[in-house]
C-alpha atoms as a PDB file:
ATOM      1  CA  MET A   1     147.230 264.620 141.764  1.00  0.00           C
ATOM      2  CA  LYS A   2     148.630 264.845 138.239  1.00  0.00           C
ATOM      3  CA  GLU A   3     150.673 261.841 137.112  1.00  0.00           C
ATOM      4  CA  GLU A   4     154.275 262.718 136.366  1.00  0.00           C
ATOM      5  CA  GLU A   5     155.089 262.935 132.683  1.00  0.00           C
ATOM      6  CA  LYS A   6     156.986 259.923 131.338  1.00  0.00           C
ATOM      7  CA  VAL A   7     159.827 259.991 128.838  1.00  0.00           C
ATOM      8  CA  ILE A   8     160.499 257.378 126.182  1.00  0.00           C
ATOM      9  CA  LEU A   9     163.602 255.337 126.959  1.00  0.00           C
ATOM     10  CA  VAL A  10     165.588 254.433 123.841  1.00  0.00           C
ATOM     11  CA  ASN A  11     168.755 252.607 122.840  1.00  0.00           C
ATOM     12  CA  GLU A  12     171.548 254.119 120.726  1.00  0.00           C
ATOM     13  CA  ASN A  13     169.483 253.393 117.578  1.00  0.00           C
ATOM     14  CA  ASP A  14     166.504 255.417 118.886  1.00  0.00           C
ATOM     15  CA  GLU A  15     164.457 252.240 119.351  1.00  0.00           C
ATOM     16  CA  GLN A  16     161.949 252.488 122.214  1.00  0.00           C
ATOM     17  CA  ILE A  17     162.817 250.201 125.131  1.00  0.00           C
ATOM     18  CA  GLY A  18     160.478 251.515 127.828  1.00  0.00           C
ATOM     19  CA  LEU A  19     158.981 254.477 129.671  1.00  0.00           C
ATOM     20  CA  MET A  20     160.144 256.216 132.858  1.00  0.00           C
ATOM     21  CA  PRO A  21     159.008 259.239 134.870  1.00  0.00           C
ATOM     22  CA  LYS A  22     160.884 262.301 133.585  1.00  0.00           C
ATOM     23  CA  LEU A  23     162.533 263.267 136.876  1.00  0.00           C
ATOM     24  CA  GLU A  24     163.694 259.683 137.510  1.00  0.00           C
ATOM     25  CA  ALA A  25     165.232 259.505 134.017  1.00  0.00           C
ATOM     26  CA  HIS A  26     167.159 262.701 134.738  1.00  0.00           C
ATOM     27  CA  GLN A  27     168.245 261.442 138.178  1.00  0.00           C
ATOM     28  CA  LYS A  28     169.492 258.124 136.738  1.00  0.00           C
ATOM     29  CA  ALA A  29     170.951 259.639 133.526  1.00  0.00           C
ATOM     30  CA  VAL A  30     169.023 257.132 131.378  1.00  0.00           C
ATOM     31  CA  LEU A  31     169.040 257.665 127.600  1.00  0.00           C
ATOM     32  CA  HIS A  32     165.664 258.981 126.450  1.00  0.00           C
ATOM     33  CA  ARG A  33     164.110 260.609 123.382  1.00  0.00           C
ATOM     34  CA  ALA A  34     163.842 264.394 123.153  1.00  0.00           C
ATOM     35  CA  PHE A  35     163.491 267.142 120.580  1.00  0.00           C
ATOM     36  CA  SER A  36     164.734 270.689 120.069  1.00  0.00           C
ATOM     37  CA  VAL A  37     162.755 273.129 117.912  1.00  0.00           C
ATOM     38  CA  PHE A  38     164.510 275.904 116.002  1.00  0.00           C
ATOM     39  CA  ILE A  39     162.268 278.616 114.526  1.00  0.00           C
ATOM     40  CA  ILE A  40     163.855 280.919 111.951  1.00  0.00           C
ATOM     41  CA  ASN A  41     162.383 284.080 110.430  1.00  0.00           C
ATOM     42  CA  ASP A  42     162.805 285.594 106.952  1.00  0.00           C
ATOM     43  CA  ASN A  43     165.907 287.510 108.119  1.00  0.00           C
ATOM     44  CA  ASN A  44     167.728 284.276 109.058  1.00  0.00           C
ATOM     45  CA  GLU A  45     167.282 285.056 112.749  1.00  0.00           C
ATOM     46  CA  LEU A  46     166.594 282.356 115.302  1.00  0.00           C
ATOM     47  CA  MET A  47     163.885 282.745 117.936  1.00  0.00           C
ATOM     48  CA  LEU A  48     165.585 282.145 121.282  1.00  0.00           C
ATOM     49  CA  GLN A  49     163.846 281.623 124.584  1.00  0.00           C
ATOM     50  CA  GLN A  50     165.145 282.253 128.075  1.00  0.00           C
ATOM     51  CA  ARG A  51     164.036 279.385 130.278  1.00  0.00           C
ATOM     52  CA  ALA A  52     161.772 280.287 133.195  1.00  0.00           C
ATOM     53  CA  LEU A  53     163.636 281.048 136.403  1.00  0.00           C
ATOM     54  CA  HIS A  54     161.902 278.259 138.366  1.00  0.00           C
ATOM     55  CA  LYS A  55     162.871 275.401 135.980  1.00  0.00           C
ATOM     56  CA  TYR A  56     164.528 272.493 137.807  1.00  0.00           C
ATOM     57  CA  HIS A  57     167.543 272.617 135.525  1.00  0.00           C
ATOM     58  CA  SER A  58     169.080 275.365 133.386  1.00  0.00           C
ATOM     59  CA  PRO A  59     166.779 278.109 134.779  1.00  0.00           C
ATOM     60  CA  GLY A  60     167.247 281.533 133.206  1.00  0.00           C
ATOM     61  CA  LEU A  61     169.528 280.258 130.434  1.00  0.00           C
ATOM     62  CA  TRP A  62     169.015 281.078 126.768  1.00  0.00           C
ATOM     63  CA  THR A  63     168.261 278.237 124.397  1.00  0.00           C
ATOM     64  CA  ASN A  64     166.553 277.290 121.146  1.00  0.00           C
ATOM     65  CA  THR A  65     162.895 278.177 120.530  1.00  0.00           C
ATOM     66  CA  CYS A  66     161.568 275.239 122.557  1.00  0.00           C
ATOM     67  CA  CYS A  67     162.422 271.693 123.526  1.00  0.00           C
ATOM     68  CA  SER A  68     160.908 268.812 125.419  1.00  0.00           C
ATOM     69  CA  HIS A  69     160.174 265.109 125.259  1.00  0.00           C
ATOM     70  CA  GLN A  70     157.911 263.140 122.964  1.00  0.00           C
ATOM     71  CA  ARG A  71     154.977 261.363 124.567  1.00  0.00           C
ATOM     72  CA  ASN A  72     154.432 257.661 124.018  1.00  0.00           C
ATOM     73  CA  GLY A  73     153.040 257.175 120.500  1.00  0.00           C
ATOM     74  CA  GLU A  74     153.730 260.770 119.442  1.00  0.00           C
ATOM     75  CA  SER A  75     155.920 261.548 116.407  1.00  0.00           C
ATOM     76  CA  ASN A  76     158.782 264.048 116.616  1.00  0.00           C
ATOM     77  CA  ILE A  77     156.819 266.554 114.527  1.00  0.00           C
ATOM     78  CA  GLU A  78     153.590 266.121 116.559  1.00  0.00           C
ATOM     79  CA  ALA A  79     155.561 266.613 119.781  1.00  0.00           C
ATOM     80  CA  GLY A  80     157.351 269.684 118.450  1.00  0.00           C
ATOM     81  CA  ILE A  81     154.127 271.327 117.292  1.00  0.00           C
ATOM     82  CA  ARG A  82     152.416 270.553 120.621  1.00  0.00           C
ATOM     83  CA  ARG A  83     155.252 271.958 122.695  1.00  0.00           C
ATOM     84  CA  LEU A  84     155.730 275.022 120.494  1.00  0.00           C
ATOM     85  CA  GLN A  85     152.076 275.906 121.197  1.00  0.00           C
ATOM     86  CA  GLU A  86     152.432 275.174 124.943  1.00  0.00           C
ATOM     87  CA  GLU A  87     155.622 277.206 125.425  1.00  0.00           C
ATOM     88  CA  MET A  88     155.580 279.901 122.737  1.00  0.00           C
ATOM     89  CA  GLY A  89     151.859 280.224 121.916  1.00  0.00           C
ATOM     90  CA  PHE A  90     151.965 279.502 118.177  1.00  0.00           C
ATOM     91  CA  THR A  91     152.267 276.652 115.712  1.00  0.00           C
ATOM     92  CA  THR A  92     153.986 276.324 112.368  1.00  0.00           C
ATOM     93  CA  ALA A  93     155.072 273.506 110.088  1.00  0.00           C
ATOM     94  CA  LEU A  94     158.222 271.705 111.249  1.00  0.00           C
ATOM     95  CA  LYS A  95     160.656 269.428 109.472  1.00  0.00           C
ATOM     96  CA  ASN A  96     163.122 266.896 110.833  1.00  0.00           C
ATOM     97  CA  SER A  97     166.773 267.880 110.587  1.00  0.00           C
ATOM     98  CA  VAL A  98     169.599 266.056 112.404  1.00  0.00           C
ATOM     99  CA  SER A  99     169.583 263.810 115.486  1.00  0.00           C
ATOM    100  CA  PHE A 100     172.325 263.165 118.021  1.00  0.00           C
ATOM    101  CA  ILE A 101     172.991 261.730 121.472  1.00  0.00           C
ATOM    102  CA  TYR A 102     174.400 263.903 124.235  1.00  0.00           C
ATOM    103  CA  LYS A 103     174.963 263.654 127.970  1.00  0.00           C
ATOM    104  CA  ALA A 104     175.159 266.740 130.175  1.00  0.00           C
ATOM    105  CA  PRO A 105     175.344 266.622 133.991  1.00  0.00           C
ATOM    106  CA  PHE A 106     173.993 269.593 135.964  1.00  0.00           C
ATOM    107  CA  ASP A 107     175.044 271.115 139.287  1.00  0.00           C
ATOM    108  CA  ASN A 108     171.818 269.900 140.944  1.00  0.00           C
ATOM    109  CA  GLY A 109     172.707 266.213 140.469  1.00  0.00           C
ATOM    110  CA  LEU A 110     170.467 265.693 137.437  1.00  0.00           C
ATOM    111  CA  THR A 111     171.761 264.629 134.027  1.00  0.00           C
ATOM    112  CA  GLU A 112     170.316 265.069 130.573  1.00  0.00           C
ATOM    113  CA  HIS A 113     171.123 261.970 128.490  1.00  0.00           C
ATOM    114  CA  GLU A 114     169.101 262.411 125.357  1.00  0.00           C
ATOM    115  CA  TYR A 115     168.650 261.182 121.846  1.00  0.00           C
ATOM    116  CA  ASP A 116     167.735 264.644 120.564  1.00  0.00           C
ATOM    117  CA  HIS A 117     165.864 265.281 117.308  1.00  0.00           C
ATOM    118  CA  VAL A 118     166.378 268.780 115.879  1.00  0.00           C
ATOM    119  CA  LEU A 119     163.224 270.186 114.247  1.00  0.00           C
ATOM    120  CA  ILE A 120     163.241 273.328 112.120  1.00  0.00           C
ATOM    121  CA  GLY A 121     160.405 275.676 111.200  1.00  0.00           C
ATOM    122  CA  LYS A 122     159.730 279.134 109.827  1.00  0.00           C
ATOM    123  CA  TYR A 123     157.731 281.897 111.540  1.00  0.00           C
ATOM    124  CA  LYS A 124     157.867 285.694 111.478  1.00  0.00           C
ATOM    125  CA  ASP A 125     155.503 286.998 114.156  1.00  0.00           C
ATOM    126  CA  ASP A 126     155.989 287.492 117.882  1.00  0.00           C
ATOM    127  CA  PRO A 127     155.214 284.563 120.171  1.00  0.00           C
ATOM    128  CA  ILE A 128     152.785 284.667 123.100  1.00  0.00           C
ATOM    129  CA  ILE A 129     155.036 283.117 125.713  1.00  0.00           C
ATOM    130  CA  ASN A 130     153.832 280.923 128.556  1.00  0.00           C
ATOM    131  CA  PRO A 131     155.417 282.458 131.707  1.00  0.00           C
ATOM    132  CA  ASP A 132     155.396 279.049 133.425  1.00  0.00           C
ATOM    133  CA  GLU A 133     157.911 277.896 130.801  1.00  0.00           C
ATOM    134  CA  VAL A 134     159.594 280.985 129.358  1.00  0.00           C
ATOM    135  CA  ALA A 135     161.048 284.088 131.055  1.00  0.00           C
ATOM    136  CA  ASP A 136     161.822 286.014 127.857  1.00  0.00           C
ATOM    137  CA  TRP A 137     162.454 285.623 124.135  1.00  0.00           C
ATOM    138  CA  LYS A 138     164.263 287.375 121.279  1.00  0.00           C
ATOM    139  CA  TRP A 139     165.186 287.071 117.616  1.00  0.00           C
ATOM    140  CA  MET A 140     168.937 286.822 117.073  1.00  0.00           C
ATOM    141  CA  PRO A 141     170.965 286.444 113.859  1.00  0.00           C
ATOM    142  CA  ILE A 142     172.444 282.958 113.604  1.00  0.00           C
ATOM    143  CA  GLU A 143     175.966 284.335 113.072  1.00  0.00           C
ATOM    144  CA  ALA A 144     175.600 286.540 116.161  1.00  0.00           C
ATOM    145  CA  ILE A 145     174.521 283.536 118.244  1.00  0.00           C
ATOM    146  CA  LYS A 146     177.584 281.584 117.159  1.00  0.00           C
ATOM    147  CA  HIS A 147     179.810 284.483 118.234  1.00  0.00           C
ATOM    148  CA  ASP A 148     177.933 285.089 121.502  1.00  0.00           C
ATOM    149  CA  ILE A 149     178.178 281.425 122.516  1.00  0.00           C
ATOM    150  CA  SER A 150     181.965 281.626 122.174  1.00  0.00           C
ATOM    151  CA  GLU A 151     182.069 284.856 124.210  1.00  0.00           C
ATOM    152  CA  HIS A 152     179.418 284.001 126.853  1.00  0.00           C
ATOM    153  CA  PRO A 153     178.871 280.212 126.983  1.00  0.00           C
ATOM    154  CA  GLU A 154     177.553 280.401 130.557  1.00  0.00           C
ATOM    155  CA  VAL A 155     174.291 282.062 129.466  1.00  0.00           C
ATOM    156  CA  TYR A 156     173.256 279.188 127.145  1.00  0.00           C
ATOM    157  CA  THR A 157     171.930 275.688 127.820  1.00  0.00           C
ATOM    158  CA  GLU A 158     174.281 272.747 127.325  1.00  0.00           C
ATOM    159  CA  TRP A 159     172.243 271.128 124.546  1.00  0.00           C
ATOM    160  CA  PHE A 160     171.986 274.397 122.653  1.00  0.00           C
ATOM    161  CA  LYS A 161     175.768 274.843 122.716  1.00  0.00           C
ATOM    162  CA  ILE A 162     176.247 271.253 121.520  1.00  0.00           C
ATOM    163  CA  ILE A 163     173.766 271.687 118.677  1.00  0.00           C
ATOM    164  CA  PHE A 164     175.411 274.910 117.592  1.00  0.00           C
ATOM    165  CA  GLU A 165     178.924 273.491 117.717  1.00  0.00           C
ATOM    166  CA  LYS A 166     178.145 270.243 115.898  1.00  0.00           C
ATOM    167  CA  PHE A 167     175.215 271.081 113.657  1.00  0.00           C
ATOM    168  CA  TYR A 168     175.528 274.781 112.903  1.00  0.00           C
ATOM    169  CA  SER A 169     175.403 274.119 109.139  1.00  0.00           C
ATOM    170  CA  HIS A 170     172.062 272.265 109.498  1.00  0.00           C
ATOM    171  CA  ILE A 171     170.264 275.134 111.246  1.00  0.00           C
ATOM    172  CA  THR A 172     168.761 276.618 108.105  1.00  0.00           C
ATOM    173  CA  LEU A 173     165.679 276.033 106.006  1.00  0.00           C
END
């Protein structure tokens, strides 16, 4: 049996204070480290993914290119590159952008409480999505996303809406 993935528990200064199984951290709403990757093409469009329909939270919702949790000893950039390959089937150079803490409870009793690092990269080709992680994908102009979130917030993940509201000006290369 595969051991459950652990997340890195952190304090409000992003200092590691322990490890915890991912599901337990989401059940207990414990602050942990995470990252969100934003891939932009030459037309200033963002690659969005629709989360797989069987995900245990936010299934079927649209969000940034990929996101996940760093593994113990893994840098933000290493984690972002790893997960981009696992979810979207490609790699590209990433750079650190902004970081923030958010807390978002879900209808299923789980809560995301994350110290999220936003990573930005450039890519122009189509991804080769992993159907275990991603239901669909699309390129969308950043301005159009901002408008669509205000018109249809229910189709986007909580963290994506927070990032767009607070850090819209940072989502460029």
